[in-house]
Amino acid sequence: MFFTLTIFLNSQDSISASKSKIVTDSLPGKDLFRRNCGMCHFVNKPFIGPALNRINERNKNWLISFIRNSSKLMLKRDSITMVLYEQYGYVEHPNFKILSKNEIKEIITYIERASNSNSH
């Protein structure tokens, strides 16, 4: 009986983990994230750039501005931008002017959901 219960509980954990993976794998914004952000960022751990799992702590309009044109924020000496610039070795975040606001919002939504599911 214990062996059967253990197998059942372990299979339930696997099912939960699989469902979590399916949810984040099918999220809008995931491909955009991988193509544009994934070279420097993971969601839940630092890589070349910071982990993005606390992105919801930033103002969304600021995030959109930063992602689209961090150079503009640097010229304005935006305090958050300048702190990030110093923290990450004086490497400027690339500008993604090619991305629409809606595409950036999809990326932000993907990051928020992926960080809640602990995937990267």
PDB file of N, CA and C in Angstrom:
ATOM      1  N   MET A   1       0.822  -1.192   0.000  1.00  0.00           N
ATOM      2  CA  MET A   1       0.000   0.000   0.000  1.00  0.00           C
ATOM      3  C   MET A   1       0.867   1.256   0.000  1.00  0.00           C
ATOM      4  N   PHE A   2       1.907   1.291   0.835  1.00  0.00           N
ATOM      5  CA  PHE A   2       2.800   2.454   0.885  1.00  0.00           C
ATOM      6  C   PHE A   2       3.453   2.681  -0.474  1.00  0.00           C
ATOM      7  N   PHE A   3       3.900   1.600  -1.128  1.00  0.00           N
ATOM      8  CA  PHE A   3       4.551   1.697  -2.427  1.00  0.00           C
ATOM      9  C   PHE A   3       3.589   2.303  -3.456  1.00  0.00           C
ATOM     10  N   THR A   4       2.339   1.857  -3.450  1.00  0.00           N
ATOM     11  CA  THR A   4       1.340   2.377  -4.377  1.00  0.00           C
ATOM     12  C   THR A   4       1.074   3.855  -4.115  1.00  0.00           C
ATOM     13  N   LEU A   5       0.955   4.234  -2.844  1.00  0.00           N
ATOM     14  CA  LEU A   5       0.712   5.630  -2.490  1.00  0.00           C
ATOM     15  C   LEU A   5       1.888   6.512  -2.907  1.00  0.00           C
ATOM     16  N   THR A   6       3.112   6.014  -2.695  1.00  0.00           N
ATOM     17  CA  THR A   6       4.306   6.768  -3.079  1.00  0.00           C
ATOM     18  C   THR A   6       4.335   6.989  -4.588  1.00  0.00           C
ATOM     19  N   ILE A   7       4.041   5.946  -5.346  1.00  0.00           N
ATOM     20  CA  ILE A   7       4.013   6.078  -6.808  1.00  0.00           C
ATOM     21  C   ILE A   7       2.951   7.088  -7.217  1.00  0.00           C
ATOM     22  N   PHE A   8       1.769   7.014  -6.592  1.00  0.00           N
ATOM     23  CA  PHE A   8       0.692   7.950  -6.921  1.00  0.00           C
ATOM     24  C   PHE A   8       1.111   9.384  -6.621  1.00  0.00           C
ATOM     25  N   LEU A   9       1.670   9.617  -5.433  1.00  0.00           N
ATOM     26  CA  LEU A   9       2.084  10.972  -5.067  1.00  0.00           C
ATOM     27  C   LEU A   9       3.177  11.488  -5.993  1.00  0.00           C
ATOM     28  N   ASN A  10       4.148  10.633  -6.321  1.00  0.00           N
ATOM     29  CA  ASN A  10       5.207  11.052  -7.240  1.00  0.00           C
ATOM     30  C   ASN A  10       4.660  11.347  -8.621  1.00  0.00           C
ATOM     31  N   SER A  11       3.689  10.573  -9.075  1.00  0.00           N
ATOM     32  CA  SER A  11       3.110  10.829 -10.392  1.00  0.00           C
ATOM     33  C   SER A  11       2.307  12.126 -10.371  1.00  0.00           C
ATOM     34  N   GLN A  12       1.663  12.454  -9.240  1.00  0.00           N
ATOM     35  CA  GLN A  12       0.933  13.716  -9.131  1.00  0.00           C
ATOM     36  C   GLN A  12       1.900  14.892  -9.216  1.00  0.00           C
ATOM     37  N   ASP A  13       3.085  14.774  -8.565  1.00  0.00           N
ATOM     38  CA  ASP A  13       4.101  15.826  -8.654  1.00  0.00           C
ATOM     39  C   ASP A  13       4.564  16.000 -10.090  1.00  0.00           C
ATOM     40  N   SER A  14       4.751  14.884 -10.799  1.00  0.00           N
ATOM     41  CA  SER A  14       5.175  14.956 -12.193  1.00  0.00           C
ATOM     42  C   SER A  14       4.114  15.611 -13.059  1.00  0.00           C
ATOM     43  N   ILE A  15       2.857  15.283 -12.789  1.00  0.00           N
ATOM     44  CA  ILE A  15       1.752  15.880 -13.550  1.00  0.00           C
ATOM     45  C   ILE A  15       1.715  17.380 -13.299  1.00  0.00           C
ATOM     46  N   SER A  16       1.855  17.810 -12.028  1.00  0.00           N
ATOM     47  CA  SER A  16       1.858  19.240 -11.715  1.00  0.00           C
ATOM     48  C   SER A  16       3.007  19.957 -12.401  1.00  0.00           C
ATOM     49  N   ALA A  17       4.187  19.346 -12.366  1.00  0.00           N
ATOM     50  CA  ALA A  17       5.352  19.961 -13.016  1.00  0.00           C
ATOM     51  C   ALA A  17       5.135  20.034 -14.522  1.00  0.00           C
ATOM     52  N   SER A  18       4.546  18.982 -15.099  1.00  0.00           N
ATOM     53  CA  SER A  18       4.280  18.984 -16.536  1.00  0.00           C
ATOM     54  C   SER A  18       3.278  20.054 -16.907  1.00  0.00           C
ATOM     55  N   LYS A  19       2.222  20.211 -16.106  1.00  0.00           N
ATOM     56  CA  LYS A  19       1.225  21.244 -16.384  1.00  0.00           C
ATOM     57  C   LYS A  19       1.850  22.624 -16.314  1.00  0.00           C
ATOM     58  N   SER A  20       2.726  22.847 -15.325  1.00  0.00           N
ATOM     59  CA  SER A  20       3.395  24.135 -15.195  1.00  0.00           C
ATOM     60  C   SER A  20       4.250  24.406 -16.419  1.00  0.00           C
ATOM     61  N   LYS A  21       4.965  23.385 -16.900  1.00  0.00           N
ATOM     62  CA  LYS A  21       5.812  23.542 -18.076  1.00  0.00           C
ATOM     63  C   LYS A  21       4.956  23.819 -19.303  1.00  0.00           C
ATOM     64  N   ILE A  22       3.850  23.125 -19.455  1.00  0.00           N
ATOM     65  CA  ILE A  22       2.958  23.340 -20.592  1.00  0.00           C
ATOM     66  C   ILE A  22       2.428  24.766 -20.576  1.00  0.00           C
ATOM     67  N   VAL A  23       2.028  25.253 -19.416  1.00  0.00           N
ATOM     68  CA  VAL A  23       1.484  26.605 -19.307  1.00  0.00           C
ATOM     69  C   VAL A  23       2.519  27.622 -19.756  1.00  0.00           C
ATOM     70  N   THR A  24       3.756  27.532 -19.269  1.00  0.00           N
ATOM     71  CA  THR A  24       4.753  28.530 -19.643  1.00  0.00           C
ATOM     72  C   THR A  24       5.242  28.317 -21.073  1.00  0.00           C
ATOM     73  N   ASP A  25       5.248  27.082 -21.566  1.00  0.00           N
ATOM     74  CA  ASP A  25       5.681  26.837 -22.937  1.00  0.00           C
ATOM     75  C   ASP A  25       4.719  27.427 -23.952  1.00  0.00           C
ATOM     76  N   SER A  26       3.443  27.544 -23.598  1.00  0.00           N
ATOM     77  CA  SER A  26       2.456  28.021 -24.558  1.00  0.00           C
ATOM     78  C   SER A  26       2.107  29.498 -24.377  1.00  0.00           C
ATOM     79  N   LEU A  27       2.792  30.185 -23.491  1.00  0.00           N
ATOM     80  CA  LEU A  27       2.465  31.587 -23.241  1.00  0.00           C
ATOM     81  C   LEU A  27       2.848  32.480 -24.413  1.00  0.00           C
ATOM     82  N   PRO A  28       1.959  33.419 -24.750  1.00  0.00           N
ATOM     83  CA  PRO A  28       2.363  34.436 -25.729  1.00  0.00           C
ATOM     84  C   PRO A  28       3.547  35.206 -25.164  1.00  0.00           C
ATOM     85  N   GLY A  29       4.443  35.589 -26.015  1.00  0.00           N
ATOM     86  CA  GLY A  29       5.607  36.335 -25.566  1.00  0.00           C
ATOM     87  C   GLY A  29       6.836  35.478 -25.358  1.00  0.00           C
ATOM     88  N   LYS A  30       6.666  34.168 -25.232  1.00  0.00           N
ATOM     89  CA  LYS A  30       7.818  33.306 -24.970  1.00  0.00           C
ATOM     90  C   LYS A  30       8.813  33.347 -26.127  1.00  0.00           C
ATOM     91  N   ASP A  31       8.325  33.219 -27.357  1.00  0.00           N
ATOM     92  CA  ASP A  31       9.237  33.259 -28.505  1.00  0.00           C
ATOM     93  C   ASP A  31       9.903  34.622 -28.634  1.00  0.00           C
ATOM     94  N   LEU A  32       9.121  35.681 -28.402  1.00  0.00           N
ATOM     95  CA  LEU A  32       9.694  37.034 -28.428  1.00  0.00           C
ATOM     96  C   LEU A  32      10.790  37.166 -27.376  1.00  0.00           C
ATOM     97  N   PHE A  33      10.528  36.630 -26.174  1.00  0.00           N
ATOM     98  CA  PHE A  33      11.522  36.663 -25.107  1.00  0.00           C
ATOM     99  C   PHE A  33      12.787  35.927 -25.532  1.00  0.00           C
ATOM    100  N   ARG A  34      12.618  34.716 -26.030  1.00  0.00           N
ATOM    101  CA  ARG A  34      13.786  33.912 -26.415  1.00  0.00           C
ATOM    102  C   ARG A  34      14.613  34.592 -27.507  1.00  0.00           C
ATOM    103  N   ARG A  35      13.946  35.164 -28.498  1.00  0.00           N
ATOM    104  CA  ARG A  35      14.656  35.783 -29.621  1.00  0.00           C
ATOM    105  C   ARG A  35      15.323  37.108 -29.252  1.00  0.00           C
ATOM    106  N   ASN A  36      14.714  37.863 -28.351  1.00  0.00           N
ATOM    107  CA  ASN A  36      15.197  39.211 -28.078  1.00  0.00           C
ATOM    108  C   ASN A  36      15.860  39.386 -26.717  1.00  0.00           C
ATOM    109  N   CYS A  37      15.477  38.592 -25.749  1.00  0.00           N
ATOM    110  CA  CYS A  37      15.961  38.791 -24.371  1.00  0.00           C
ATOM    111  C   CYS A  37      16.815  37.631 -23.879  1.00  0.00           C
ATOM    112  N   GLY A  38      16.531  36.436 -24.391  1.00  0.00           N
ATOM    113  CA  GLY A  38      17.131  35.220 -23.877  1.00  0.00           C
ATOM    114  C   GLY A  38      18.630  35.102 -24.048  1.00  0.00           C
ATOM    115  N   MET A  39      19.221  35.943 -24.900  1.00  0.00           N
ATOM    116  CA  MET A  39      20.676  35.899 -25.065  1.00  0.00           C
ATOM    117  C   MET A  39      21.389  36.463 -23.843  1.00  0.00           C
ATOM    118  N   CYS A  40      20.694  37.312 -23.086  1.00  0.00           N
ATOM    119  CA  CYS A  40      21.322  37.949 -21.924  1.00  0.00           C
ATOM    120  C   CYS A  40      20.588  37.707 -20.609  1.00  0.00           C
ATOM    121  N   HIS A  41      19.335  37.274 -20.680  1.00  0.00           N
ATOM    122  CA  HIS A  41      18.526  37.154 -19.465  1.00  0.00           C
ATOM    123  C   HIS A  41      17.900  35.769 -19.318  1.00  0.00           C
ATOM    124  N   PHE A  42      17.843  35.325 -18.066  1.00  0.00           N
ATOM    125  CA  PHE A  42      16.969  34.233 -17.641  1.00  0.00           C
ATOM    126  C   PHE A  42      15.912  34.882 -16.767  1.00  0.00           C
ATOM    127  N   VAL A  43      14.810  34.194 -16.582  1.00  0.00           N
ATOM    128  CA  VAL A  43      13.752  34.761 -15.754  1.00  0.00           C
ATOM    129  C   VAL A  43      14.129  34.687 -14.279  1.00  0.00           C
ATOM    130  N   ASN A  44      14.571  33.539 -13.815  1.00  0.00           N
ATOM    131  CA  ASN A  44      14.723  33.324 -12.374  1.00  0.00           C
ATOM    132  C   ASN A  44      16.147  33.288 -11.852  1.00  0.00           C
ATOM    133  N   LYS A  45      17.117  33.601 -12.689  1.00  0.00           N
ATOM    134  CA  LYS A  45      18.493  33.661 -12.196  1.00  0.00           C
ATOM    135  C   LYS A  45      19.286  34.618 -13.080  1.00  0.00           C
ATOM    136  N   PRO A  46      20.295  35.254 -12.491  1.00  0.00           N
ATOM    137  CA  PRO A  46      21.125  36.168 -13.280  1.00  0.00           C
ATOM    138  C   PRO A  46      21.882  35.408 -14.368  1.00  0.00           C
ATOM    139  N   PHE A  47      22.157  36.094 -15.422  1.00  0.00           N
ATOM    140  CA  PHE A  47      22.951  35.548 -16.522  1.00  0.00           C
ATOM    141  C   PHE A  47      23.908  36.671 -16.913  1.00  0.00           C
ATOM    142  N   ILE A  48      23.943  37.103 -18.115  1.00  0.00           N
ATOM    143  CA  ILE A  48      24.727  38.281 -18.486  1.00  0.00           C
ATOM    144  C   ILE A  48      24.062  39.522 -17.895  1.00  0.00           C
ATOM    145  N   GLY A  49      22.741  39.560 -17.980  1.00  0.00           N
ATOM    146  CA  GLY A  49      21.955  40.616 -17.359  1.00  0.00           C
ATOM    147  C   GLY A  49      21.253  40.064 -16.124  1.00  0.00           C
ATOM    148  N   PRO A  50      20.500  40.909 -15.445  1.00  0.00           N
ATOM    149  CA  PRO A  50      19.848  40.474 -14.203  1.00  0.00           C
ATOM    150  C   PRO A  50      18.719  39.471 -14.444  1.00  0.00           C
ATOM    151  N   ALA A  51      18.407  38.706 -13.395  1.00  0.00           N
ATOM    152  CA  ALA A  51      17.202  37.880 -13.420  1.00  0.00           C
ATOM    153  C   ALA A  51      16.003  38.821 -13.548  1.00  0.00           C
ATOM    154  N   LEU A  52      14.990  38.386 -14.254  1.00  0.00           N
ATOM    155  CA  LEU A  52      13.848  39.269 -14.516  1.00  0.00           C
ATOM    156  C   LEU A  52      12.611  38.912 -13.708  1.00  0.00           C
ATOM    157  N   ASN A  53      12.755  38.026 -12.737  1.00  0.00           N
ATOM    158  CA  ASN A  53      11.592  37.550 -11.984  1.00  0.00           C
ATOM    159  C   ASN A  53      10.944  38.601 -11.084  1.00  0.00           C
ATOM    160  N   ARG A  54      11.581  39.745 -10.923  1.00  0.00           N
ATOM    161  CA  ARG A  54      10.976  40.815 -10.107  1.00  0.00           C
ATOM    162  C   ARG A  54      10.545  41.996 -10.993  1.00  0.00           C
ATOM    163  N   ILE A  55      10.341  41.713 -12.253  1.00  0.00           N
ATOM    164  CA  ILE A  55       9.994  42.759 -13.217  1.00  0.00           C
ATOM    165  C   ILE A  55       8.691  43.472 -12.848  1.00  0.00           C
ATOM    166  N   ASN A  56       7.808  42.769 -12.162  1.00  0.00           N
ATOM    167  CA  ASN A  56       6.520  43.369 -11.779  1.00  0.00           C
ATOM    168  C   ASN A  56       6.686  44.480 -10.740  1.00  0.00           C
ATOM    169  N   GLU A  57       7.881  44.641 -10.191  1.00  0.00           N
ATOM    170  CA  GLU A  57       8.138  45.726  -9.242  1.00  0.00           C
ATOM    171  C   GLU A  57       8.409  47.052  -9.953  1.00  0.00           C
ATOM    172  N   ARG A  58       8.609  46.986 -11.258  1.00  0.00           N
ATOM    173  CA  ARG A  58       8.873  48.193 -12.043  1.00  0.00           C
ATOM    174  C   ARG A  58       7.578  48.705 -12.680  1.00  0.00           C
ATOM    175  N   ASN A  59       7.521  49.979 -12.900  1.00  0.00           N
ATOM    176  CA  ASN A  59       6.400  50.595 -13.599  1.00  0.00           C
ATOM    177  C   ASN A  59       6.399  50.099 -15.049  1.00  0.00           C
ATOM    178  N   LYS A  60       5.239  49.651 -15.523  1.00  0.00           N
ATOM    179  CA  LYS A  60       5.173  49.075 -16.880  1.00  0.00           C
ATOM    180  C   LYS A  60       5.536  50.089 -17.958  1.00  0.00           C
ATOM    181  N   ASN A  61       5.113  51.336 -17.804  1.00  0.00           N
ATOM    182  CA  ASN A  61       5.465  52.347 -18.803  1.00  0.00           C
ATOM    183  C   ASN A  61       6.973  52.582 -18.829  1.00  0.00           C
ATOM    184  N   TRP A  62       7.605  52.558 -17.648  1.00  0.00           N
ATOM    185  CA  TRP A  62       9.052  52.697 -17.589  1.00  0.00           C
ATOM    186  C   TRP A  62       9.715  51.513 -18.291  1.00  0.00           C
ATOM    187  N   LEU A  63       9.229  50.296 -18.020  1.00  0.00           N
ATOM    188  CA  LEU A  63       9.792  49.098 -18.649  1.00  0.00           C
ATOM    189  C   LEU A  63       9.725  49.181 -20.167  1.00  0.00           C
ATOM    190  N   ILE A  64       8.575  49.589 -20.669  1.00  0.00           N
ATOM    191  CA  ILE A  64       8.413  49.694 -22.120  1.00  0.00           C
ATOM    192  C   ILE A  64       9.407  50.704 -22.681  1.00  0.00           C
ATOM    193  N   SER A  65       9.526  51.847 -22.024  1.00  0.00           N
ATOM    194  CA  SER A  65      10.493  52.870 -22.461  1.00  0.00           C
ATOM    195  C   SER A  65      11.920  52.343 -22.408  1.00  0.00           C
ATOM    196  N   PHE A  66      12.260  51.655 -21.327  1.00  0.00           N
ATOM    197  CA  PHE A  66      13.612  51.124 -21.153  1.00  0.00           C
ATOM    198  C   PHE A  66      13.930  50.088 -22.226  1.00  0.00           C
ATOM    199  N   ILE A  67      13.006  49.175 -22.455  1.00  0.00           N
ATOM    200  CA  ILE A  67      13.237  48.107 -23.439  1.00  0.00           C
ATOM    201  C   ILE A  67      13.350  48.691 -24.845  1.00  0.00           C
ATOM    202  N   ARG A  68      12.482  49.613 -25.185  1.00  0.00           N
ATOM    203  CA  ARG A  68      12.491  50.205 -26.528  1.00  0.00           C
ATOM    204  C   ARG A  68      13.687  51.112 -26.767  1.00  0.00           C
ATOM    205  N   ASN A  69      14.089  51.907 -25.736  1.00  0.00           N
ATOM    206  CA  ASN A  69      15.136  52.890 -25.980  1.00  0.00           C
ATOM    207  C   ASN A  69      15.821  53.296 -24.670  1.00  0.00           C
ATOM    208  N   SER A  70      16.642  52.389 -24.147  1.00  0.00           N
ATOM    209  CA  SER A  70      17.353  52.704 -22.896  1.00  0.00           C
ATOM    210  C   SER A  70      18.336  53.852 -23.089  1.00  0.00           C
ATOM    211  N   SER A  71      18.824  54.034 -24.312  1.00  0.00           N
ATOM    212  CA  SER A  71      19.756  55.143 -24.586  1.00  0.00           C
ATOM    213  C   SER A  71      19.120  56.492 -24.275  1.00  0.00           C
ATOM    214  N   LYS A  72      17.856  56.622 -24.619  1.00  0.00           N
ATOM    215  CA  LYS A  72      17.135  57.868 -24.357  1.00  0.00           C
ATOM    216  C   LYS A  72      17.049  58.126 -22.855  1.00  0.00           C
ATOM    217  N   LEU A  73      16.770  57.071 -22.086  1.00  0.00           N
ATOM    218  CA  LEU A  73      16.700  57.205 -20.630  1.00  0.00           C
ATOM    219  C   LEU A  73      18.072  57.532 -20.042  1.00  0.00           C
ATOM    220  N   MET A  74      19.119  56.985 -20.641  1.00  0.00           N
ATOM    221  CA  MET A  74      20.467  57.306 -20.166  1.00  0.00           C
ATOM    222  C   MET A  74      20.788  58.772 -20.416  1.00  0.00           C
ATOM    223  N   LEU A  75      20.400  59.280 -21.567  1.00  0.00           N
ATOM    224  CA  LEU A  75      20.647  60.695 -21.870  1.00  0.00           C
ATOM    225  C   LEU A  75      19.905  61.606 -20.897  1.00  0.00           C
ATOM    226  N   LYS A  76      18.744  61.150 -20.442  1.00  0.00           N
ATOM    227  CA  LYS A  76      17.972  61.918 -19.458  1.00  0.00           C
ATOM    228  C   LYS A  76      18.499  61.699 -18.038  1.00  0.00           C
ATOM    229  N   ARG A  77      19.501  60.814 -17.909  1.00  0.00           N
ATOM    230  CA  ARG A  77      20.080  60.471 -16.610  1.00  0.00           C
ATOM    231  C   ARG A  77      19.020  59.888 -15.664  1.00  0.00           C
ATOM    232  N   ASP A  78      18.126  59.074 -16.228  1.00  0.00           N
ATOM    233  CA  ASP A  78      17.108  58.396 -15.431  1.00  0.00           C
ATOM    234  C   ASP A  78      17.796  57.593 -14.326  1.00  0.00           C
ATOM    235  N   SER A  79      17.368  57.788 -13.093  1.00  0.00           N
ATOM    236  CA  SER A  79      18.080  57.198 -11.943  1.00  0.00           C
ATOM    237  C   SER A  79      18.108  55.675 -11.983  1.00  0.00           C
ATOM    238  N   ILE A  80      17.010  55.041 -12.315  1.00  0.00           N
ATOM    239  CA  ILE A  80      16.978  53.563 -12.353  1.00  0.00           C
ATOM    240  C   ILE A  80      17.896  53.056 -13.459  1.00  0.00           C
ATOM    241  N   THR A  81      17.822  53.681 -14.605  1.00  0.00           N
ATOM    242  CA  THR A  81      18.665  53.279 -15.731  1.00  0.00           C
ATOM    243  C   THR A  81      20.138  53.407 -15.374  1.00  0.00           C
ATOM    244  N   MET A  82      20.491  54.488 -14.721  1.00  0.00           N
ATOM    245  CA  MET A  82      21.888  54.712 -14.368  1.00  0.00           C
ATOM    246  C   MET A  82      22.383  53.696 -13.329  1.00  0.00           C
ATOM    247  N   VAL A  83      21.535  53.343 -12.382  1.00  0.00           N
ATOM    248  CA  VAL A  83      21.916  52.331 -11.384  1.00  0.00           C
ATOM    249  C   VAL A  83      22.147  50.984 -12.077  1.00  0.00           C
ATOM    250  N   LEU A  84      21.247  50.593 -12.969  1.00  0.00           N
ATOM    251  CA  LEU A  84      21.415  49.333 -13.698  1.00  0.00           C
ATOM    252  C   LEU A  84      22.683  49.351 -14.538  1.00  0.00           C
ATOM    253  N   TYR A  85      22.938  50.459 -15.178  1.00  0.00           N
ATOM    254  CA  TYR A  85      24.129  50.623 -16.009  1.00  0.00           C
ATOM    255  C   TYR A  85      25.393  50.407 -15.173  1.00  0.00           C
ATOM    256  N   GLU A  86      25.439  50.991 -14.000  1.00  0.00           N
ATOM    257  CA  GLU A  86      26.592  50.821 -13.117  1.00  0.00           C
ATOM    258  C   GLU A  86      26.680  49.397 -12.566  1.00  0.00           C
ATOM    259  N   GLN A  87      25.529  48.835 -12.163  1.00  0.00           N
ATOM    260  CA  GLN A  87      25.514  47.489 -11.575  1.00  0.00           C
ATOM    261  C   GLN A  87      25.994  46.432 -12.553  1.00  0.00           C
ATOM    262  N   TYR A  88      25.737  46.626 -13.821  1.00  0.00           N
ATOM    263  CA  TYR A  88      26.057  45.599 -14.808  1.00  0.00           C
ATOM    264  C   TYR A  88      27.239  45.986 -15.685  1.00  0.00           C
ATOM    265  N   GLY A  89      28.253  46.556 -15.042  1.00  0.00           N
ATOM    266  CA  GLY A  89      29.545  46.774 -15.674  1.00  0.00           C
ATOM    267  C   GLY A  89      29.560  47.817 -16.769  1.00  0.00           C
ATOM    268  N   TYR A  90      28.713  48.800 -16.666  1.00  0.00           N
ATOM    269  CA  TYR A  90      28.663  49.889 -17.633  1.00  0.00           C
ATOM    270  C   TYR A  90      28.368  49.390 -19.053  1.00  0.00           C
ATOM    271  N   VAL A  91      27.548  48.345 -19.102  1.00  0.00           N
ATOM    272  CA  VAL A  91      27.084  47.825 -20.388  1.00  0.00           C
ATOM    273  C   VAL A  91      25.673  48.347 -20.598  1.00  0.00           C
ATOM    274  N   GLU A  92      25.480  49.017 -21.706  1.00  0.00           N
ATOM    275  CA  GLU A  92      24.173  49.598 -22.000  1.00  0.00           C
ATOM    276  C   GLU A  92      23.219  48.523 -22.512  1.00  0.00           C
ATOM    277  N   HIS A  93      21.996  48.550 -22.007  1.00  0.00           N
ATOM    278  CA  HIS A  93      20.957  47.644 -22.493  1.00  0.00           C
ATOM    279  C   HIS A  93      20.670  47.974 -23.950  1.00  0.00           C
ATOM    280  N   PRO A  94      20.588  46.970 -24.820  1.00  0.00           N
ATOM    281  CA  PRO A  94      20.309  47.272 -26.232  1.00  0.00           C
ATOM    282  C   PRO A  94      18.908  47.862 -26.409  1.00  0.00           C
ATOM    283  N   ASN A  95      18.775  48.677 -27.428  1.00  0.00           N
ATOM    284  CA  ASN A  95      17.468  49.253 -27.770  1.00  0.00           C
ATOM    285  C   ASN A  95      16.712  48.280 -28.660  1.00  0.00           C
ATOM    286  N   PHE A  96      15.420  48.140 -28.392  1.00  0.00           N
ATOM    287  CA  PHE A  96      14.566  47.263 -29.190  1.00  0.00           C
ATOM    288  C   PHE A  96      13.425  48.077 -29.802  1.00  0.00           C
ATOM    289  N   LYS A  97      13.812  49.071 -30.585  1.00  0.00           N
ATOM    290  CA  LYS A  97      12.817  49.935 -31.221  1.00  0.00           C
ATOM    291  C   LYS A  97      11.967  49.181 -32.227  1.00  0.00           C
ATOM    292  N   ILE A  98      12.469  48.041 -32.672  1.00  0.00           N
ATOM    293  CA  ILE A  98      11.740  47.232 -33.646  1.00  0.00           C
ATOM    294  C   ILE A  98      10.509  46.558 -33.024  1.00  0.00           C
ATOM    295  N   LEU A  99      10.513  46.399 -31.702  1.00  0.00           N
ATOM    296  CA  LEU A  99       9.383  45.768 -31.017  1.00  0.00           C
ATOM    297  C   LEU A  99       8.276  46.792 -30.777  1.00  0.00           C
ATOM    298  N   SER A 100       7.056  46.374 -31.028  1.00  0.00           N
ATOM    299  CA  SER A 100       5.909  47.247 -30.737  1.00  0.00           C
ATOM    300  C   SER A 100       5.638  47.239 -29.230  1.00  0.00           C
ATOM    301  N   LYS A 101       4.850  48.189 -28.784  1.00  0.00           N
ATOM    302  CA  LYS A 101       4.466  48.211 -27.362  1.00  0.00           C
ATOM    303  C   LYS A 101       3.720  46.935 -26.992  1.00  0.00           C
ATOM    304  N   ASN A 102       2.865  46.455 -27.882  1.00  0.00           N
ATOM    305  CA  ASN A 102       2.127  45.216 -27.597  1.00  0.00           C
ATOM    306  C   ASN A 102       3.056  44.015 -27.490  1.00  0.00           C
ATOM    307  N   GLU A 103       4.076  43.955 -28.335  1.00  0.00           N
ATOM    308  CA  GLU A 103       5.039  42.851 -28.243  1.00  0.00           C
ATOM    309  C   GLU A 103       5.806  42.919 -26.926  1.00  0.00           C
ATOM    310  N   ILE A 104       6.183  44.109 -26.520  1.00  0.00           N
ATOM    311  CA  ILE A 104       6.887  44.263 -25.240  1.00  0.00           C
ATOM    312  C   ILE A 104       5.969  43.867 -24.090  1.00  0.00           C
ATOM    313  N   LYS A 105       4.697  44.232 -24.162  1.00  0.00           N
ATOM    314  CA  LYS A 105       3.734  43.830 -23.127  1.00  0.00           C
ATOM    315  C   LYS A 105       3.601  42.315 -23.082  1.00  0.00           C
ATOM    316  N   GLU A 106       3.630  41.654 -24.239  1.00  0.00           N
ATOM    317  CA  GLU A 106       3.584  40.181 -24.264  1.00  0.00           C
ATOM    318  C   GLU A 106       4.810  39.595 -23.576  1.00  0.00           C
ATOM    319  N   ILE A 107       5.971  40.168 -23.827  1.00  0.00           N
ATOM    320  CA  ILE A 107       7.201  39.702 -23.181  1.00  0.00           C
ATOM    321  C   ILE A 107       7.103  39.885 -21.667  1.00  0.00           C
ATOM    322  N   ILE A 108       6.634  41.043 -21.239  1.00  0.00           N
ATOM    323  CA  ILE A 108       6.492  41.316 -19.803  1.00  0.00           C
ATOM    324  C   ILE A 108       5.525  40.324 -19.166  1.00  0.00           C
ATOM    325  N   THR A 109       4.412  40.067 -19.830  1.00  0.00           N
ATOM    326  CA  THR A 109       3.431  39.098 -19.310  1.00  0.00           C
ATOM    327  C   THR A 109       4.046  37.709 -19.222  1.00  0.00           C
ATOM    328  N   TYR A 110       4.798  37.317 -20.246  1.00  0.00           N
ATOM    329  CA  TYR A 110       5.466  36.017 -20.212  1.00  0.00           C
ATOM    330  C   TYR A 110       6.417  35.938 -19.011  1.00  0.00           C
ATOM    331  N   ILE A 111       7.224  36.975 -18.809  1.00  0.00           N
ATOM    332  CA  ILE A 111       8.180  36.976 -17.701  1.00  0.00           C
ATOM    333  C   ILE A 111       7.454  36.870 -16.366  1.00  0.00           C
ATOM    334  N   GLU A 112       6.373  37.622 -16.198  1.00  0.00           N
ATOM    335  CA  GLU A 112       5.616  37.572 -14.941  1.00  0.00           C
ATOM    336  C   GLU A 112       5.060  36.175 -14.696  1.00  0.00           C
ATOM    337  N   ARG A 113       4.505  35.560 -15.715  1.00  0.00           N
ATOM    338  CA  ARG A 113       3.935  34.211 -15.534  1.00  0.00           C
ATOM    339  C   ARG A 113       5.018  33.165 -15.355  1.00  0.00           C
ATOM    340  N   ALA A 114       6.085  33.283 -16.102  1.00  0.00           N
ATOM    341  CA  ALA A 114       7.186  32.316 -15.971  1.00  0.00           C
ATOM    342  C   ALA A 114       7.841  32.416 -14.597  1.00  0.00           C
ATOM    343  N   SER A 115       7.940  33.619 -14.060  1.00  0.00           N
ATOM    344  CA  SER A 115       8.547  33.754 -12.731  1.00  0.00           C
ATOM    345  C   SER A 115       7.634  33.189 -11.660  1.00  0.00           C
ATOM    346  N   ASN A 116       6.335  33.205 -11.870  1.00  0.00           N
ATOM    347  CA  ASN A 116       5.405  32.602 -10.922  1.00  0.00           C
ATOM    348  C   ASN A 116       5.441  31.088 -10.990  1.00  0.00           C
ATOM    349  N   SER A 117       5.857  30.535 -12.132  1.00  0.00           N
ATOM    350  CA  SER A 117       5.902  29.078 -12.262  1.00  0.00           C
ATOM    351  C   SER A 117       7.299  28.521 -12.032  1.00  0.00           C
ATOM    352  N   ASN A 118       8.257  29.407 -11.718  1.00  0.00           N
ATOM    353  CA  ASN A 118       9.646  29.024 -11.451  1.00  0.00           C
ATOM    354  C   ASN A 118      10.339  28.389 -12.639  1.00  0.00           C
ATOM    355  N   SER A 119       9.919  28.687 -13.848  1.00  0.00           N
ATOM    356  CA  SER A 119      10.670  28.211 -15.014  1.00  0.00           C
ATOM    357  C   SER A 119      11.654  29.296 -15.395  1.00  0.00           C
ATOM    358  N   HIS A 120      12.538  28.992 -16.328  1.00  0.00           N
ATOM    359  CA  HIS A 120      13.490  30.021 -16.754  1.00  0.00           C
ATOM    360  C   HIS A 120      13.310  30.246 -18.206  1.00  0.00           C
TER     361      HIS A 120
END
